[in-house]
Amino acid sequence: MSSLVLSSNEIDAMAKKAARGVGMPWGLASDAGRAARWLADHGLPGPEVLADLLDWRDGRVHADVAPPDVGLAWADHPFALDPVVVGAVCADLAERLAAGPAELGRIRQPLLLGSALASVAIRTRTALVASWGDAALGVAVGAATWRGSLFASEAAVTVEPGRLDAEQLTAPVDGWAVDPAAWARLEGYAHRTYAPDTEESRLRGAGAGLIDD
């Protein structure tokens, strides 16, 4: 099956609805949309990574996936954390994160931190490097770089100030290609946000309904 070619706006909108469909509040769902879009804008599989996160997140309560405090040091926390929630905390504590280093603990789909870290880099004018395993993602104003195997389903993440001298991430030339199966999973979650049809809405959709004038 060939890939779908979608726009940044389509990816953002669907990702936001899908995140809302698994129970994220609208603010975090918007962050999830931006996270998926940021990855796609840098040539990375944002919708696919987000779909994997939402599969894991579905059915979990917020308290089980959120940081236990706002200390930016969760290495000893026993559970994996949601990167969208962690990213929101990082954005709120941008100056503290830019002064780093920070051991964020075990993050599910850590690549989804990219958007929030880029926002911190812009706000503080400080380049940052997030590392997990043999992978590293560098963000700075107007640039993003990478090395190693970025696609970890779960990993301990450290963020510190500095520039990553490595290969540049760039936007795709021929559009944003998305795996249809991952897109279908996002659509399934997004569908939960739609109100069920009522008799009144069905009649309105049919045209004149019961009145013939």
C-alpha atoms as a PDB file:
ATOM      1  CA  MET A   1       0.000   0.000   0.000  1.00  0.00           C
ATOM      2  CA  SER A   2       1.447   3.373  -1.018  1.00  0.00           C
ATOM      3  CA  SER A   3       1.954   6.199   1.453  1.00  0.00           C
ATOM      4  CA  LEU A   4      -0.496   9.061   1.820  1.00  0.00           C
ATOM      5  CA  VAL A   5       0.830  12.507   0.973  1.00  0.00           C
ATOM      6  CA  LEU A   6      -0.574  15.060   3.394  1.00  0.00           C
ATOM      7  CA  SER A   7      -0.011  18.668   4.401  1.00  0.00           C
ATOM      8  CA  SER A   8       1.415  19.871   7.690  1.00  0.00           C
ATOM      9  CA  ASN A   9      -1.978  21.286   8.611  1.00  0.00           C
ATOM     10  CA  GLU A  10      -3.717  17.968   7.958  1.00  0.00           C
ATOM     11  CA  ILE A  11      -1.200  16.144  10.151  1.00  0.00           C
ATOM     12  CA  ASP A  12      -1.557  18.707  12.948  1.00  0.00           C
ATOM     13  CA  ALA A  13      -5.370  18.631  12.888  1.00  0.00           C
ATOM     14  CA  MET A  14      -5.702  14.842  12.803  1.00  0.00           C
ATOM     15  CA  ALA A  15      -3.050  14.336  15.487  1.00  0.00           C
ATOM     16  CA  LYS A  16      -4.824  16.804  17.771  1.00  0.00           C
ATOM     17  CA  LYS A  17      -8.192  15.078  17.361  1.00  0.00           C
ATOM     18  CA  ALA A  18      -6.641  11.651  17.862  1.00  0.00           C
ATOM     19  CA  ALA A  19      -4.911  12.756  21.066  1.00  0.00           C
ATOM     20  CA  ARG A  20      -8.180  14.166  22.312  1.00  0.00           C
ATOM     21  CA  GLY A  21      -9.812  10.843  21.443  1.00  0.00           C
ATOM     22  CA  VAL A  22      -7.621   8.971  23.939  1.00  0.00           C
ATOM     23  CA  GLY A  23      -8.538  11.440  26.688  1.00  0.00           C
ATOM     24  CA  MET A  24      -5.915  14.190  26.537  1.00  0.00           C
ATOM     25  CA  PRO A  25      -7.310  17.613  27.490  1.00  0.00           C
ATOM     26  CA  TRP A  26      -7.479  20.010  24.547  1.00  0.00           C
ATOM     27  CA  GLY A  27      -4.340  21.907  25.569  1.00  0.00           C
ATOM     28  CA  LEU A  28      -2.188  18.774  25.574  1.00  0.00           C
ATOM     29  CA  ALA A  29      -3.950  17.481  22.468  1.00  0.00           C
ATOM     30  CA  SER A  30      -2.882  20.665  20.688  1.00  0.00           C
ATOM     31  CA  ASP A  31       0.668  20.032  21.879  1.00  0.00           C
ATOM     32  CA  ALA A  32       0.446  16.504  20.462  1.00  0.00           C
ATOM     33  CA  GLY A  33      -0.620  17.908  17.119  1.00  0.00           C
ATOM     34  CA  ARG A  34       2.327  20.283  17.078  1.00  0.00           C
ATOM     35  CA  ALA A  35       4.689  17.473  18.104  1.00  0.00           C
ATOM     36  CA  ALA A  36       3.603  15.251  15.216  1.00  0.00           C
ATOM     37  CA  ARG A  37       3.736  18.168  12.796  1.00  0.00           C
ATOM     38  CA  TRP A  38       7.206  19.246  13.949  1.00  0.00           C
ATOM     39  CA  LEU A  39       8.570  15.775  13.282  1.00  0.00           C
ATOM     40  CA  ALA A  40       6.948  15.624   9.857  1.00  0.00           C
ATOM     41  CA  ASP A  41       8.297  19.090   9.046  1.00  0.00           C
ATOM     42  CA  HIS A  42      11.779  17.740   9.771  1.00  0.00           C
ATOM     43  CA  GLY A  43      11.456  14.637   7.632  1.00  0.00           C
ATOM     44  CA  LEU A  44      10.553  12.279  10.480  1.00  0.00           C
ATOM     45  CA  PRO A  45       7.462  10.041  10.815  1.00  0.00           C
ATOM     46  CA  GLY A  46       5.439  12.189  13.202  1.00  0.00           C
ATOM     47  CA  PRO A  47       1.990  10.615  12.698  1.00  0.00           C
ATOM     48  CA  GLU A  48       3.443   7.114  12.946  1.00  0.00           C
ATOM     49  CA  VAL A  49       5.305   7.857  16.183  1.00  0.00           C
ATOM     50  CA  LEU A  50       2.254   9.575  17.664  1.00  0.00           C
ATOM     51  CA  ALA A  51       0.020   6.638  16.726  1.00  0.00           C
ATOM     52  CA  ASP A  52       2.342   4.337  18.684  1.00  0.00           C
ATOM     53  CA  LEU A  53       2.234   6.697  21.654  1.00  0.00           C
ATOM     54  CA  LEU A  54      -1.562   6.855  21.609  1.00  0.00           C
ATOM     55  CA  ASP A  55      -1.805   3.053  21.449  1.00  0.00           C
ATOM     56  CA  TRP A  56       0.198   3.011  24.681  1.00  0.00           C
ATOM     57  CA  ARG A  57      -1.612   5.969  26.234  1.00  0.00           C
ATOM     58  CA  ASP A  58      -5.127   4.703  25.526  1.00  0.00           C
ATOM     59  CA  GLY A  59      -6.798   3.569  28.743  1.00  0.00           C
ATOM     60  CA  ARG A  60      -4.165   5.052  31.050  1.00  0.00           C
ATOM     61  CA  VAL A  61      -5.138   7.809  33.443  1.00  0.00           C
ATOM     62  CA  HIS A  62      -3.250  11.091  33.322  1.00  0.00           C
ATOM     63  CA  ALA A  63      -1.655  10.647  36.740  1.00  0.00           C
ATOM     64  CA  ASP A  64       0.026   7.427  35.594  1.00  0.00           C
ATOM     65  CA  VAL A  65       1.828   9.046  32.657  1.00  0.00           C
ATOM     66  CA  ALA A  66       2.562  12.540  33.992  1.00  0.00           C
ATOM     67  CA  PRO A  67       5.721  13.609  35.861  1.00  0.00           C
ATOM     68  CA  PRO A  68       5.302  13.297  39.645  1.00  0.00           C
ATOM     69  CA  ASP A  69       6.531  16.870  40.216  1.00  0.00           C
ATOM     70  CA  VAL A  70       8.016  19.856  38.364  1.00  0.00           C
ATOM     71  CA  GLY A  71      11.617  19.182  39.276  1.00  0.00           C
ATOM     72  CA  LEU A  72      12.808  18.160  35.774  1.00  0.00           C
ATOM     73  CA  ALA A  73      14.614  15.238  37.433  1.00  0.00           C
ATOM     74  CA  TRP A  74      12.590  12.064  37.149  1.00  0.00           C
ATOM     75  CA  ALA A  75      15.298   9.451  36.638  1.00  0.00           C
ATOM     76  CA  ASP A  76      14.083   7.536  39.694  1.00  0.00           C
ATOM     77  CA  HIS A  77      10.419   7.562  38.683  1.00  0.00           C
ATOM     78  CA  PRO A  78       9.346   3.914  38.237  1.00  0.00           C
ATOM     79  CA  PHE A  79       7.018   4.428  35.276  1.00  0.00           C
ATOM     80  CA  ALA A  80       7.385   5.670  31.711  1.00  0.00           C
ATOM     81  CA  LEU A  81       6.191   9.209  31.073  1.00  0.00           C
ATOM     82  CA  ASP A  82       4.183  10.714  28.242  1.00  0.00           C
ATOM     83  CA  PRO A  83       6.454  12.943  26.084  1.00  0.00           C
ATOM     84  CA  VAL A  84       3.608  15.374  25.368  1.00  0.00           C
ATOM     85  CA  VAL A  85       3.056  15.976  29.086  1.00  0.00           C
ATOM     86  CA  VAL A  86       6.799  16.120  29.756  1.00  0.00           C
ATOM     87  CA  GLY A  87       7.169  18.571  26.881  1.00  0.00           C
ATOM     88  CA  ALA A  88       4.535  20.856  28.384  1.00  0.00           C
ATOM     89  CA  VAL A  89       6.409  20.887  31.710  1.00  0.00           C
ATOM     90  CA  CYS A  90       9.687  21.588  29.907  1.00  0.00           C
ATOM     91  CA  ALA A  91       8.098  24.515  28.083  1.00  0.00           C
ATOM     92  CA  ASP A  92       6.762  25.932  31.353  1.00  0.00           C
ATOM     93  CA  LEU A  93      10.241  25.630  32.905  1.00  0.00           C
ATOM     94  CA  ALA A  94      12.168  26.766  29.850  1.00  0.00           C
ATOM     95  CA  GLU A  95      14.781  28.825  31.675  1.00  0.00           C
ATOM     96  CA  ARG A  96      15.507  26.030  34.120  1.00  0.00           C
ATOM     97  CA  LEU A  97      15.818  23.484  31.335  1.00  0.00           C
ATOM     98  CA  ALA A  98      18.153  25.762  29.377  1.00  0.00           C
ATOM     99  CA  ALA A  99      20.406  25.940  32.440  1.00  0.00           C
ATOM    100  CA  GLY A 100      20.472  22.063  32.499  1.00  0.00           C
ATOM    101  CA  PRO A 101      21.373  19.296  32.455  1.00  0.00           C
ATOM    102  CA  ALA A 102      18.107  17.562  33.285  1.00  0.00           C
ATOM    103  CA  GLU A 103      17.488  13.826  33.661  1.00  0.00           C
ATOM    104  CA  LEU A 104      13.908  13.489  32.475  1.00  0.00           C
ATOM    105  CA  GLY A 105      13.628   9.782  33.230  1.00  0.00           C
ATOM    106  CA  ARG A 106      12.023   7.109  31.072  1.00  0.00           C
ATOM    107  CA  ILE A 107      10.033   8.678  28.252  1.00  0.00           C
ATOM    108  CA  ARG A 108       7.699   6.859  25.893  1.00  0.00           C
ATOM    109  CA  GLN A 109       8.449   7.723  22.257  1.00  0.00           C
ATOM    110  CA  PRO A 110      11.079  10.334  23.245  1.00  0.00           C
ATOM    111  CA  LEU A 111      11.298  11.698  19.706  1.00  0.00           C
ATOM    112  CA  LEU A 112       7.997  13.493  20.372  1.00  0.00           C
ATOM    113  CA  LEU A 113       9.874  15.825  22.731  1.00  0.00           C
ATOM    114  CA  GLY A 114      11.350  17.583  19.692  1.00  0.00           C
ATOM    115  CA  SER A 115       8.684  20.254  19.293  1.00  0.00           C
ATOM    116  CA  ALA A 116       8.702  21.298  22.953  1.00  0.00           C
ATOM    117  CA  LEU A 117      12.499  21.390  23.093  1.00  0.00           C
ATOM    118  CA  ALA A 118      12.603  23.485  19.926  1.00  0.00           C
ATOM    119  CA  SER A 119      10.172  25.905  21.573  1.00  0.00           C
ATOM    120  CA  VAL A 120      12.436  26.131  24.630  1.00  0.00           C
ATOM    121  CA  ALA A 121      15.454  26.749  22.391  1.00  0.00           C
ATOM    122  CA  ILE A 122      13.673  29.605  20.629  1.00  0.00           C
ATOM    123  CA  ARG A 123      12.373  31.167  23.841  1.00  0.00           C
ATOM    124  CA  THR A 124      15.692  31.024  25.683  1.00  0.00           C
ATOM    125  CA  ARG A 125      17.995  31.419  22.656  1.00  0.00           C
ATOM    126  CA  THR A 126      19.800  28.327  23.926  1.00  0.00           C
ATOM    127  CA  ALA A 127      20.663  25.264  21.845  1.00  0.00           C
ATOM    128  CA  LEU A 128      19.734  21.959  23.492  1.00  0.00           C
ATOM    129  CA  VAL A 129      20.684  18.321  23.039  1.00  0.00           C
ATOM    130  CA  ALA A 130      18.389  15.482  24.092  1.00  0.00           C
ATOM    131  CA  SER A 131      20.107  12.095  24.394  1.00  0.00           C
ATOM    132  CA  TRP A 132      18.846   8.537  24.821  1.00  0.00           C
ATOM    133  CA  GLY A 133      20.845   5.375  24.212  1.00  0.00           C
ATOM    134  CA  ASP A 134      23.092   5.974  21.215  1.00  0.00           C
ATOM    135  CA  ALA A 135      20.750   8.642  19.857  1.00  0.00           C
ATOM    136  CA  ALA A 136      20.832  12.406  20.147  1.00  0.00           C
ATOM    137  CA  LEU A 137      18.526  15.143  18.898  1.00  0.00           C
ATOM    138  CA  GLY A 138      19.856  18.681  18.764  1.00  0.00           C
ATOM    139  CA  VAL A 139      17.593  21.746  18.528  1.00  0.00           C
ATOM    140  CA  ALA A 140      18.521  25.381  18.053  1.00  0.00           C
ATOM    141  CA  VAL A 141      16.882  28.446  16.571  1.00  0.00           C
ATOM    142  CA  GLY A 142      16.142  27.511  12.959  1.00  0.00           C
ATOM    143  CA  ALA A 143      17.955  24.177  13.021  1.00  0.00           C
ATOM    144  CA  ALA A 144      17.668  20.567  14.160  1.00  0.00           C
ATOM    145  CA  THR A 145      20.308  17.828  13.965  1.00  0.00           C
ATOM    146  CA  TRP A 146      20.482  14.153  14.816  1.00  0.00           C
ATOM    147  CA  ARG A 147      22.645  11.079  15.198  1.00  0.00           C
ATOM    148  CA  GLY A 148      22.152   7.426  16.115  1.00  0.00           C
ATOM    149  CA  SER A 149      18.929   5.437  16.298  1.00  0.00           C
ATOM    150  CA  LEU A 150      16.232   7.968  17.122  1.00  0.00           C
ATOM    151  CA  PHE A 151      13.310   5.543  17.078  1.00  0.00           C
ATOM    152  CA  ALA A 152      13.127   4.147  20.600  1.00  0.00           C
ATOM    153  CA  SER A 153       9.721   3.160  21.919  1.00  0.00           C
ATOM    154  CA  GLU A 154      10.909   3.958  25.453  1.00  0.00           C
ATOM    155  CA  ALA A 155      14.189   5.316  26.807  1.00  0.00           C
ATOM    156  CA  ALA A 156      15.800   7.337  29.592  1.00  0.00           C
ATOM    157  CA  VAL A 157      16.296  10.879  28.307  1.00  0.00           C
ATOM    158  CA  THR A 158      18.780  13.554  29.345  1.00  0.00           C
ATOM    159  CA  VAL A 159      18.602  17.140  28.075  1.00  0.00           C
ATOM    160  CA  GLU A 160      21.458  19.616  28.341  1.00  0.00           C
ATOM    161  CA  PRO A 161      22.526  22.895  26.768  1.00  0.00           C
ATOM    162  CA  GLY A 162      24.843  22.639  23.779  1.00  0.00           C
ATOM    163  CA  ARG A 163      24.978  22.205  20.026  1.00  0.00           C
ATOM    164  CA  LEU A 164      24.931  18.837  18.320  1.00  0.00           C
ATOM    165  CA  ASP A 165      27.340  18.858  15.389  1.00  0.00           C
ATOM    166  CA  ALA A 166      25.670  16.166  13.304  1.00  0.00           C
ATOM    167  CA  GLU A 167      23.437  15.572  10.306  1.00  0.00           C
ATOM    168  CA  GLN A 168      20.775  18.203   9.652  1.00  0.00           C
ATOM    169  CA  LEU A 169      17.090  17.361   9.726  1.00  0.00           C
ATOM    170  CA  THR A 170      15.231  18.878   6.768  1.00  0.00           C
ATOM    171  CA  ALA A 171      11.683  19.092   5.462  1.00  0.00           C
ATOM    172  CA  PRO A 172      10.657  16.518   2.839  1.00  0.00           C
ATOM    173  CA  VAL A 173      10.895  17.730  -0.749  1.00  0.00           C
ATOM    174  CA  ASP A 174       7.917  15.874  -2.232  1.00  0.00           C
ATOM    175  CA  GLY A 175       5.326  16.276   0.518  1.00  0.00           C
ATOM    176  CA  TRP A 176       4.711  14.611   3.849  1.00  0.00           C
ATOM    177  CA  ALA A 177       4.370  10.872   3.207  1.00  0.00           C
ATOM    178  CA  VAL A 178       2.422   9.053   5.928  1.00  0.00           C
ATOM    179  CA  ASP A 179       1.884   5.335   6.426  1.00  0.00           C
ATOM    180  CA  PRO A 180      -1.835   4.622   5.725  1.00  0.00           C
ATOM    181  CA  ALA A 181      -2.097   2.106   8.570  1.00  0.00           C
ATOM    182  CA  ALA A 182      -0.810   4.641  11.110  1.00  0.00           C
ATOM    183  CA  TRP A 183      -3.141   7.286   9.695  1.00  0.00           C
ATOM    184  CA  ALA A 184      -6.074   4.900  10.051  1.00  0.00           C
ATOM    185  CA  ARG A 185      -5.196   4.368  13.717  1.00  0.00           C
ATOM    186  CA  LEU A 186      -5.208   8.132  14.261  1.00  0.00           C
ATOM    187  CA  GLU A 187      -8.542   8.387  12.467  1.00  0.00           C
ATOM    188  CA  GLY A 188      -9.951   5.717  14.765  1.00  0.00           C
ATOM    189  CA  TYR A 189      -8.986   7.674  17.859  1.00  0.00           C
ATOM    190  CA  ALA A 190     -10.187  10.938  16.327  1.00  0.00           C
ATOM    191  CA  HIS A 191     -13.564   9.363  15.585  1.00  0.00           C
ATOM    192  CA  ARG A 192     -14.203   9.126  19.320  1.00  0.00           C
ATOM    193  CA  THR A 193     -14.448  12.918  19.441  1.00  0.00           C
ATOM    194  CA  TYR A 194     -17.343  13.040  17.003  1.00  0.00           C
ATOM    195  CA  ALA A 195     -20.847  13.357  18.402  1.00  0.00           C
ATOM    196  CA  PRO A 196     -23.102  10.415  17.523  1.00  0.00           C
ATOM    197  CA  ASP A 197     -25.885  11.074  15.042  1.00  0.00           C
ATOM    198  CA  THR A 198     -29.280  11.960  16.475  1.00  0.00           C
ATOM    199  CA  GLU A 199     -32.632  11.661  14.724  1.00  0.00           C
ATOM    200  CA  GLU A 200     -32.719  15.453  14.382  1.00  0.00           C
ATOM    201  CA  SER A 201     -29.241  15.648  12.812  1.00  0.00           C
ATOM    202  CA  ARG A 202     -30.083  12.847  10.394  1.00  0.00           C
ATOM    203  CA  LEU A 203     -33.232  14.658   9.282  1.00  0.00           C
ATOM    204  CA  ARG A 204     -31.324  17.917   8.820  1.00  0.00           C
ATOM    205  CA  GLY A 205     -28.722  16.123   6.767  1.00  0.00           C
ATOM    206  CA  ALA A 206     -31.427  14.658   4.529  1.00  0.00           C
ATOM    207  CA  GLY A 207     -32.695  18.093   3.463  1.00  0.00           C
ATOM    208  CA  ALA A 208     -36.278  19.165   4.116  1.00  0.00           C
ATOM    209  CA  GLY A 209     -36.916  16.453   6.702  1.00  0.00           C
ATOM    210  CA  LEU A 210     -40.614  15.951   7.493  1.00  0.00           C
ATOM    211  CA  ILE A 211     -41.790  19.346   6.271  1.00  0.00           C
ATOM    212  CA  ASP A 212     -42.590  19.739   2.602  1.00  0.00           C
ATOM    213  CA  ASP A 213     -43.221  23.366   1.713  1.00  0.00           C
END
